[in-house]
Amino acid sequence: MILEELIQKVQSLYSKGAQSRASRLTPRHIYGKMLTVRAKIFVQKINKKQLISNWDYQTLPCVEFIKVSVHECPCLPANFPMNRCGIYRSKHKIPRILTAHGRHMIKSLSTVDGATHYPGITFEEQAYRAYSKYTGTLSSYYVKDGYIWLTYNRMEDNNNNNLTVLTLDALFQDPMEAANFESYCITQDGDCLGALEQDFPIDYADVELIVNMTVQELLGVFVNNREDITNNSIDNGSK
């Protein structure tokens, strides 16, 4: 559903409950609360072992990876002893991804043709895999410091220009941030959409749920604020 339509649904329902023009909210405020509600819905579904719809995911089709040092200590000399010389890392930081049960909600990281899918691990797990004779040469990825890291890149031997571009499917915290990700393939088609004109990734079956939950939370904030103002007025008057 288009973001503007979703915000209008929330604003309309909220205005009926707030009963005040002064309570009208900005689209940015509503959007921020919708992100919180959307995250809660996903976590609840995962806790209940319910299916996350494909419509909820977003795809970054052209994520560029570059070869970097395995450490982040630029002052170390070139001959500093290390077990591994290099590793592949996404060139740009990835938009923030939702988490549940200590894991990032990533559906898949794959080659652009979908032929190869990389399993996800944690940063701690990669140490055990790297030095195992069974998993040492198997490709996998982990998320650290906002980047995605590939523990091994089997494409390197057949890639003369040292270029690796992969596709990422995930549940991002902020869909607009994901929509503006700096892709390797930047197209200039002259059809630039404003923020409110972009699609908000949510399954249609959950539209009513996210609208109602967002309104309830916004009304709760509105009521609490009115109570605070009233209490302050009483306190000030008693003085």
Protein backbone atom coordinates (compact mmCIF):
# COMPACT_ATOMS: atom_id res chain seq x y z
CA MET A 1 0.00 0.00 0.00
CA ILE A 2 1.18 3.53 -0.78
CA LEU A 3 2.53 5.25 2.34
CA GLU A 4 0.36 8.35 1.91
CA GLU A 5 -2.82 6.24 1.86
CA LEU A 6 -1.76 4.42 5.00
CA ILE A 7 -0.98 7.65 6.84
CA GLN A 8 -4.33 9.12 5.79
CA LYS A 9 -6.12 6.07 7.26
CA VAL A 10 -4.29 6.56 10.55
CA GLN A 11 -4.92 10.32 10.62
CA SER A 12 -8.63 9.93 9.89
CA LEU A 13 -9.18 7.34 12.62
CA TYR A 14 -6.99 9.24 15.08
CA SER A 15 -8.86 12.51 14.54
CA LYS A 16 -12.15 10.84 15.46
CA GLY A 17 -10.69 9.68 18.75
CA ALA A 18 -8.78 12.84 19.66
CA GLN A 19 -11.67 15.23 18.90
CA SER A 20 -9.41 18.23 18.40
CA ARG A 21 -7.80 20.06 15.50
CA ALA A 22 -4.86 20.82 17.75
CA SER A 23 -4.21 17.10 17.97
CA ARG A 24 -3.56 16.70 14.23
CA LEU A 25 -0.28 14.91 13.66
CA THR A 26 2.37 15.38 11.01
CA PRO A 27 3.02 12.55 8.53
CA ARG A 28 6.53 12.18 9.98
CA HIS A 29 5.14 11.62 13.48
CA ILE A 30 2.65 9.03 12.24
CA TYR A 31 5.32 7.31 10.15
CA GLY A 32 7.63 7.02 13.14
CA LYS A 33 4.92 5.35 15.22
CA MET A 34 3.99 3.06 12.32
CA LEU A 35 7.56 1.78 12.20
CA THR A 36 7.39 0.85 15.87
CA VAL A 37 4.04 -0.91 15.43
CA ARG A 38 5.23 -2.71 12.29
CA ALA A 39 8.25 -4.07 14.16
CA LYS A 40 6.01 -5.29 17.00
CA ILE A 41 3.77 -7.12 14.54
CA PHE A 42 6.72 -8.94 13.00
CA VAL A 43 8.19 -9.93 16.36
CA GLN A 44 4.81 -11.20 17.55
CA LYS A 45 4.45 -13.32 14.41
CA ILE A 46 7.91 -14.80 14.84
CA ASN A 47 7.28 -15.55 18.52
CA LYS A 48 4.09 -17.36 17.50
CA LYS A 49 5.95 -19.11 14.65
CA GLN A 50 3.63 -17.52 12.09
CA LEU A 51 4.63 -16.96 8.48
CA ILE A 52 6.06 -13.58 7.48
CA SER A 53 4.57 -12.63 4.12
CA ASN A 54 6.80 -12.02 1.13
CA TRP A 55 5.07 -8.63 0.83
CA ASP A 56 6.69 -7.60 4.11
CA TYR A 57 10.22 -8.02 2.81
CA GLN A 58 12.25 -5.56 0.78
CA THR A 59 14.93 -6.40 -1.73
CA LEU A 60 18.24 -4.63 -2.25
CA PRO A 61 19.01 -6.13 -5.67
CA CYS A 62 22.54 -4.82 -6.25
CA VAL A 63 24.60 -4.69 -3.05
CA GLU A 64 28.25 -4.15 -3.93
CA PHE A 65 30.93 -5.99 -1.95
CA ILE A 66 34.61 -5.07 -1.78
CA LYS A 67 37.65 -6.90 -0.48
CA VAL A 68 38.92 -5.46 2.80
CA SER A 69 41.23 -6.42 5.63
CA VAL A 70 39.95 -8.92 8.18
CA HIS A 71 40.68 -6.38 10.94
CA GLU A 72 39.78 -2.74 11.49
CA CYS A 73 43.14 -1.53 12.76
CA PRO A 74 44.67 0.71 10.05
CA CYS A 75 47.87 1.26 12.06
CA LEU A 76 48.96 -2.39 11.88
CA PRO A 77 51.94 -3.09 9.56
CA ALA A 78 51.43 -5.04 6.35
CA ASN A 79 53.40 -8.01 7.69
CA PHE A 80 51.39 -8.27 10.92
CA PRO A 81 50.69 -12.00 11.49
CA MET A 82 47.09 -13.01 10.73
CA ASN A 83 45.43 -16.28 9.86
CA ARG A 84 43.50 -14.72 6.99
CA CYS A 85 44.57 -11.97 4.61
CA GLY A 86 41.25 -10.55 3.47
CA ILE A 87 37.49 -10.75 3.53
CA TYR A 88 34.60 -9.32 1.53
CA ARG A 89 32.36 -6.63 3.02
CA SER A 90 29.46 -4.60 1.68
CA LYS A 91 30.82 -1.34 0.29
CA HIS A 92 28.15 0.71 2.04
CA LYS A 93 26.45 0.28 5.37
CA ILE A 94 23.24 -1.69 5.07
CA PRO A 95 19.95 -0.06 6.15
CA ARG A 96 19.12 -1.12 9.69
CA ILE A 97 17.53 -4.56 9.85
CA LEU A 98 14.95 -5.72 12.40
CA THR A 99 16.04 -8.42 14.84
CA ALA A 100 14.31 -11.19 16.77
CA HIS A 101 15.76 -13.80 19.09
CA GLY A 102 19.22 -12.34 18.62
CA ARG A 103 19.14 -12.75 14.84
CA HIS A 104 18.68 -10.27 12.03
CA MET A 105 15.49 -10.77 10.04
CA ILE A 106 17.23 -11.55 6.77
CA LYS A 107 15.40 -13.82 4.36
CA SER A 108 18.31 -14.37 2.04
CA LEU A 109 21.64 -13.13 0.72
CA SER A 110 22.26 -14.52 -2.73
CA THR A 111 23.95 -14.04 -6.06
CA VAL A 112 21.96 -11.77 -8.36
CA ASP A 113 20.77 -14.76 -10.41
CA GLY A 114 19.56 -16.54 -7.26
CA ALA A 115 21.72 -19.58 -8.00
CA THR A 116 23.73 -19.37 -4.76
CA HIS A 117 22.37 -18.53 -1.31
CA TYR A 118 24.68 -17.80 1.60
CA PRO A 119 23.79 -18.97 5.14
CA GLY A 120 23.79 -16.39 7.90
CA ILE A 121 25.90 -16.80 11.05
CA THR A 122 26.99 -14.59 13.94
CA PHE A 123 30.36 -12.87 14.20
CA GLU A 124 31.32 -15.29 16.98
CA GLU A 125 30.36 -18.34 14.92
CA GLN A 126 32.52 -17.34 11.98
CA ALA A 127 35.72 -18.10 13.93
CA TYR A 128 34.75 -21.75 14.35
CA ARG A 129 33.67 -22.14 10.73
CA ALA A 130 36.79 -20.51 9.31
CA TYR A 131 39.17 -23.02 10.85
CA SER A 132 37.12 -26.17 10.35
CA LYS A 133 38.18 -28.51 7.56
CA TYR A 134 34.51 -29.00 6.75
CA THR A 135 33.30 -25.40 6.73
CA GLY A 136 36.52 -23.39 6.21
CA THR A 137 35.89 -22.93 2.47
CA LEU A 138 32.11 -22.59 2.65
CA SER A 139 30.64 -19.16 2.03
CA SER A 140 28.58 -17.54 4.80
CA TYR A 141 27.83 -14.03 6.02
CA TYR A 142 27.40 -12.09 9.25
CA VAL A 143 26.34 -8.56 10.16
CA LYS A 144 28.74 -6.33 12.10
CA ASP A 145 29.08 -2.55 12.52
CA GLY A 146 26.28 -1.95 10.03
CA TYR A 147 27.97 -3.92 7.23
CA ILE A 148 27.51 -7.43 5.85
CA TRP A 149 30.67 -9.53 5.74
CA LEU A 150 31.33 -12.61 3.59
CA THR A 151 33.56 -15.14 5.33
CA TYR A 152 34.69 -16.63 2.03
CA ASN A 153 34.05 -15.66 -1.58
CA ARG A 154 34.25 -18.55 -4.00
CA MET A 155 33.39 -16.16 -6.84
CA GLU A 156 36.80 -14.54 -6.54
CA ASP A 157 38.63 -17.17 -8.61
CA ASN A 158 36.34 -16.55 -11.59
CA ASN A 159 36.05 -12.81 -11.17
CA ASN A 160 38.82 -10.96 -12.99
CA ASN A 161 37.68 -7.48 -12.04
CA ASN A 162 37.28 -8.40 -8.38
CA LEU A 163 33.63 -7.28 -8.41
CA THR A 164 30.99 -8.97 -6.29
CA VAL A 165 27.35 -7.83 -6.35
CA LEU A 166 24.75 -9.69 -4.29
CA THR A 167 21.02 -9.45 -3.59
CA LEU A 168 19.68 -8.97 -0.05
CA ASP A 169 16.10 -9.67 1.10
CA ALA A 170 15.28 -8.52 4.63
CA LEU A 171 12.85 -6.81 6.99
CA PHE A 172 14.31 -3.34 7.35
CA GLN A 173 13.54 -1.05 10.28
CA ASP A 174 12.84 1.90 7.99
CA PRO A 175 11.49 1.04 4.52
CA MET A 176 12.29 4.54 3.24
CA GLU A 177 15.91 4.17 4.31
CA ALA A 178 16.07 0.88 2.44
CA ALA A 179 14.43 2.43 -0.64
CA ASN A 180 17.22 5.05 -0.74
CA PHE A 181 20.06 2.55 -0.37
CA GLU A 182 23.05 3.30 -2.62
CA SER A 183 22.79 0.41 -5.06
CA TYR A 184 25.63 -0.57 -7.39
CA CYS A 185 23.22 -0.13 -10.31
CA ILE A 186 21.83 3.38 -10.00
CA THR A 187 19.14 4.05 -12.59
CA GLN A 188 18.14 7.50 -13.79
CA ASP A 189 14.70 6.95 -15.28
CA GLY A 190 13.37 10.40 -14.41
CA ASP A 191 10.54 8.89 -12.40
CA CYS A 192 11.56 9.98 -8.92
CA LEU A 193 8.89 9.34 -6.29
CA GLY A 194 8.41 11.41 -3.17
CA ALA A 195 8.53 9.71 0.21
CA LEU A 196 4.74 9.59 0.60
CA GLU A 197 4.32 8.12 -2.89
CA GLN A 198 6.44 5.06 -2.18
CA ASP A 199 5.12 1.66 -1.23
CA PHE A 200 5.05 0.69 2.45
CA PRO A 201 5.99 -3.01 2.72
CA ILE A 202 3.20 -4.61 4.71
CA ASP A 203 0.92 -7.52 3.81
CA TYR A 204 -2.56 -6.29 2.93
CA ALA A 205 -4.03 -8.60 5.56
CA ASP A 206 -2.14 -6.61 8.23
CA VAL A 207 -3.14 -3.13 7.03
CA GLU A 208 -6.11 -2.84 9.40
CA LEU A 209 -4.01 -4.19 12.27
CA ILE A 210 -1.17 -1.72 11.79
CA VAL A 211 -3.63 1.21 11.41
CA ASN A 212 -5.55 0.32 14.57
CA MET A 213 -2.44 -0.36 16.66
CA THR A 214 -0.84 2.89 15.50
CA VAL A 215 -3.95 4.90 16.35
CA GLN A 216 -4.25 3.28 19.78
CA GLU A 217 -0.65 4.13 20.64
CA LEU A 218 -0.98 7.69 19.35
CA LEU A 219 -4.20 8.21 21.31
CA GLY A 220 -2.47 6.86 24.40
CA VAL A 221 0.26 9.47 24.02
CA PHE A 222 -2.35 12.21 23.41
CA VAL A 223 -4.34 11.26 26.53
CA ASN A 224 -1.20 11.11 28.67
CA ASN A 225 -0.11 14.53 27.44
CA ARG A 226 -3.52 16.03 28.28
CA GLU A 227 -3.35 14.52 31.77
CA ASP A 228 0.13 15.97 32.28
CA ILE A 229 -1.06 19.43 31.22
CA THR A 230 -4.09 19.19 33.52
CA ASN A 231 -2.01 18.08 36.47
CA ASN A 232 0.47 20.88 35.90
CA SER A 233 -2.35 23.42 35.74
CA ILE A 234 -3.79 22.15 39.00
CA ASP A 235 -0.37 22.24 40.64
CA ASN A 236 0.29 25.75 39.37
CA GLY A 237 -3.15 26.93 40.51
CA SER A 238 -2.68 25.51 44.00
CA LYS A 239 0.50 27.46 44.40
